[in-house]
């Protein structure tokens, strides 16, 4: 059953359109987390908004604009107004605690969704999306990985996923724990008949 949260794809794109109308420089936003699944039309909505802003100068510029619009930092990566939802903006190539191998702006590392005059909206590639969620490994994250895998199974090579996972995890302090999470996730995929 799809849970109904506060932010759907249209509402999010409308908000980004307002931001775009106030910008004077290019900003690249790469959707990750549940936001990526919402923009891919895999989930109906998401409870908060997660974007990587890979270029540091673009991140600083966007944050200044948000501050001018009345957004306040809610702690960590979060930005919100009193009446709005939280935008988690991650500078560089680190989502939550997961450091990606490469910039999400590198060709093949994001799926282009929409280009406004100043805002480029992409979606993180499926491998890094799954990896970042397995590293966190909450129930919601694993459910999101399963939903993504079911929807995009033909576009996800399990061997490529494992290879990229192991390389990413080798740089992480929780390498052994990450590998256990991957084993559990792969076993879940097998139980559901999604892989052999």
Protein backbone atom coordinates (compact mmCIF):
# COMPACT_ATOMS: atom_id res chain seq x y z
CA UNK A 1 0.00 0.00 0.00
CA UNK A 2 1.34 3.46 -0.90
CA UNK A 3 1.42 5.83 2.04
CA UNK A 4 0.25 9.37 1.39
CA UNK A 5 2.77 11.93 2.50
CA UNK A 6 2.78 15.65 1.95
CA UNK A 7 4.88 16.05 -1.17
CA UNK A 8 4.05 14.69 -4.58
CA UNK A 9 5.93 15.17 -7.83
CA UNK A 10 3.84 18.10 -9.09
CA UNK A 11 4.09 20.01 -5.81
CA UNK A 12 7.84 19.52 -5.74
CA UNK A 13 8.36 20.63 -9.35
CA UNK A 14 6.14 23.67 -8.74
CA UNK A 15 8.31 24.64 -5.77
CA UNK A 16 11.47 24.25 -7.85
CA UNK A 17 9.88 26.39 -10.56
CA UNK A 18 9.44 29.20 -8.01
CA UNK A 19 13.09 28.85 -6.94
CA UNK A 20 14.13 28.91 -10.59
CA UNK A 21 12.30 32.20 -11.17
CA UNK A 22 14.46 33.82 -8.48
CA UNK A 23 17.83 32.39 -9.47
CA UNK A 24 20.35 34.13 -11.69
CA UNK A 25 22.88 31.27 -11.89
CA UNK A 26 22.74 27.57 -12.75
CA UNK A 27 22.13 25.07 -9.94
CA UNK A 28 22.26 21.29 -10.40
CA UNK A 29 20.00 19.25 -8.11
CA UNK A 30 20.26 15.45 -8.04
CA UNK A 31 17.35 13.72 -6.34
CA UNK A 32 18.16 10.90 -3.95
CA UNK A 33 16.25 8.95 -1.30
CA UNK A 34 12.47 8.79 -1.52
CA UNK A 35 12.49 11.98 -3.59
CA UNK A 36 14.13 10.08 -6.45
CA UNK A 37 11.43 7.40 -6.30
CA UNK A 38 8.70 10.04 -6.30
CA UNK A 39 10.19 11.80 -9.32
CA UNK A 40 10.50 8.42 -11.08
CA UNK A 41 6.74 7.89 -10.48
CA UNK A 42 7.54 4.79 -8.40
CA UNK A 43 6.21 6.29 -5.17
CA UNK A 44 3.20 8.57 -5.04
CA UNK A 45 4.86 11.00 -2.62
CA UNK A 46 7.61 11.47 -0.06
CA UNK A 47 7.71 12.94 3.44
CA UNK A 48 10.72 15.17 2.83
CA UNK A 49 12.88 16.22 -0.09
CA UNK A 50 16.44 14.96 -0.59
CA UNK A 51 18.78 16.54 -3.13
CA UNK A 52 22.49 16.38 -3.70
CA UNK A 53 23.95 19.72 -4.84
CA UNK A 54 27.25 18.43 -6.24
CA UNK A 55 28.91 21.80 -6.91
CA UNK A 56 29.89 23.54 -3.65
CA UNK A 57 29.53 27.04 -5.11
CA UNK A 58 26.01 26.21 -6.36
CA UNK A 59 25.11 24.83 -2.93
CA UNK A 60 26.22 28.04 -1.19
CA UNK A 61 24.36 30.17 -3.75
CA UNK A 62 21.14 28.14 -3.34
CA UNK A 63 21.33 28.25 0.47
CA UNK A 64 21.68 32.06 0.36
CA UNK A 65 18.56 32.24 -1.81
CA UNK A 66 16.63 29.98 0.56
CA UNK A 67 17.67 32.10 3.54
CA UNK A 68 16.41 35.19 1.68
CA UNK A 69 13.10 33.35 1.15
CA UNK A 70 12.76 32.70 4.88
CA UNK A 71 14.01 29.13 5.02
CA UNK A 72 15.75 28.18 8.26
CA UNK A 73 18.24 25.40 8.86
CA UNK A 74 16.45 22.62 10.77
CA UNK A 75 19.67 20.87 11.69
CA UNK A 76 22.17 19.07 9.49
CA UNK A 77 21.19 19.26 5.83
CA UNK A 78 17.58 20.37 6.43
CA UNK A 79 16.01 23.65 5.27
CA UNK A 80 12.37 24.60 5.79
CA UNK A 81 9.92 27.44 6.23
CA UNK A 82 7.37 27.49 9.04
CA UNK A 83 4.66 26.23 6.70
CA UNK A 84 6.72 24.17 4.28
CA UNK A 85 8.27 20.75 4.10
CA UNK A 86 11.93 20.00 4.78
CA UNK A 87 14.47 20.11 1.98
CA UNK A 88 17.58 18.10 2.83
CA UNK A 89 20.36 19.52 0.65
CA UNK A 90 23.66 17.63 0.58
CA UNK A 91 26.69 19.44 -0.85
CA UNK A 92 29.19 17.44 -2.90
CA UNK A 93 28.81 13.69 -3.30
CA UNK A 94 27.91 12.60 0.23
CA UNK A 95 24.31 11.54 1.03
CA UNK A 96 23.61 11.19 4.72
CA UNK A 97 26.76 9.26 5.70
CA UNK A 98 27.41 7.65 2.30
CA UNK A 99 30.28 9.02 0.22
CA UNK A 100 29.63 8.22 -3.44
CA UNK A 101 32.50 7.00 -5.62
CA UNK A 102 32.07 9.74 -8.20
CA UNK A 103 30.26 13.01 -8.71
CA UNK A 104 26.60 12.45 -9.52
CA UNK A 105 27.11 14.95 -12.35
CA UNK A 106 29.45 12.58 -14.21
CA UNK A 107 27.81 11.11 -17.31
CA UNK A 108 25.84 8.00 -16.38
CA UNK A 109 25.59 8.89 -12.69
CA UNK A 110 22.24 10.65 -12.96
CA UNK A 111 19.10 10.46 -15.04
CA UNK A 112 18.00 13.81 -16.44
CA UNK A 113 14.45 14.66 -15.39
CA UNK A 114 13.80 18.35 -16.04
CA UNK A 115 15.76 21.44 -16.96
CA UNK A 116 14.40 24.82 -15.98
CA UNK A 117 16.17 27.99 -17.09
CA UNK A 118 18.54 27.84 -14.10
CA UNK A 119 17.76 24.59 -12.27
CA UNK A 120 18.79 21.20 -13.61
CA UNK A 121 16.93 18.32 -11.94
CA UNK A 122 18.44 14.87 -12.22
CA UNK A 123 17.84 11.58 -10.43
CA UNK A 124 20.69 9.63 -8.89
CA UNK A 125 21.54 6.43 -10.78
CA UNK A 126 19.84 3.30 -9.47
CA UNK A 127 23.06 1.72 -8.13
CA UNK A 128 24.09 4.66 -5.95
CA UNK A 129 20.48 5.14 -4.89
CA UNK A 130 20.24 1.56 -3.65
CA UNK A 131 23.72 1.65 -2.08
CA UNK A 132 23.00 4.82 -0.09
CA UNK A 133 19.78 3.28 1.23
CA UNK A 134 21.38 -0.05 2.15
CA UNK A 135 24.10 1.81 4.07
CA UNK A 136 21.38 3.43 6.24
CA UNK A 137 19.29 0.26 6.32
CA UNK A 138 16.10 1.45 7.99
CA UNK A 139 12.86 -0.41 7.23
CA UNK A 140 11.75 2.45 4.98
CA UNK A 141 15.07 2.38 3.11
CA UNK A 142 14.84 -1.34 2.42
CA UNK A 143 11.19 -1.03 1.35
CA UNK A 144 12.26 1.75 -1.04
CA UNK A 145 15.02 -0.46 -2.47
CA UNK A 146 12.55 -3.29 -3.04
CA UNK A 147 10.05 -0.95 -4.73
CA UNK A 148 12.80 0.43 -6.97
CA UNK A 149 14.10 -3.03 -7.81
CA UNK A 150 10.63 -4.30 -8.71
CA UNK A 151 9.98 -1.29 -10.96
CA UNK A 152 13.40 -1.17 -12.65
CA UNK A 153 14.57 -4.80 -12.46
CA UNK A 154 15.46 -4.98 -16.15
CA UNK A 155 17.67 -1.88 -15.79
CA UNK A 156 19.61 -3.10 -12.74
CA UNK A 157 22.47 -5.56 -13.18
CA UNK A 158 22.88 -7.32 -9.84
CA UNK A 159 26.59 -8.05 -10.43
CA UNK A 160 27.26 -4.41 -11.25
CA UNK A 161 25.34 -3.40 -8.12
CA UNK A 162 27.44 -5.72 -5.94
CA UNK A 163 30.72 -4.57 -7.49
CA UNK A 164 29.87 -0.89 -7.00
CA UNK A 165 28.56 -1.60 -3.49
CA UNK A 166 31.77 -3.35 -2.38
CA UNK A 167 33.95 -0.58 -3.80
CA UNK A 168 31.87 2.16 -2.15
CA UNK A 169 31.78 0.27 1.15
CA UNK A 170 35.56 -0.29 1.15
CA UNK A 171 35.99 3.43 1.86
CA UNK A 172 33.39 3.44 4.66
CA UNK A 173 34.17 2.90 8.36
CA UNK A 174 31.16 0.55 8.60
CA UNK A 175 32.33 -1.76 5.82
CA UNK A 176 31.52 -5.03 7.61
CA UNK A 177 28.09 -3.84 8.74
CA UNK A 178 27.33 -2.61 5.20
CA UNK A 179 28.22 -6.02 3.76
CA UNK A 180 25.84 -7.73 6.21
CA UNK A 181 23.10 -5.33 5.11
CA UNK A 182 23.77 -6.18 1.46
CA UNK A 183 23.63 -9.92 2.20
CA UNK A 184 20.28 -9.48 3.94
CA UNK A 185 18.95 -7.37 1.05
CA UNK A 186 20.06 -9.92 -1.57
CA UNK A 187 18.45 -12.72 0.45
CA UNK A 188 15.22 -10.70 0.52
CA UNK A 189 15.38 -10.29 -3.26
CA UNK A 190 15.85 -14.07 -3.64
CA UNK A 191 12.91 -14.84 -1.31
CA UNK A 192 10.72 -12.57 -3.41
CA UNK A 193 11.91 -14.25 -6.62
CA UNK A 194 13.44 -11.05 -7.95
CA UNK A 195 16.89 -12.62 -8.39
CA UNK A 196 18.09 -16.22 -8.54
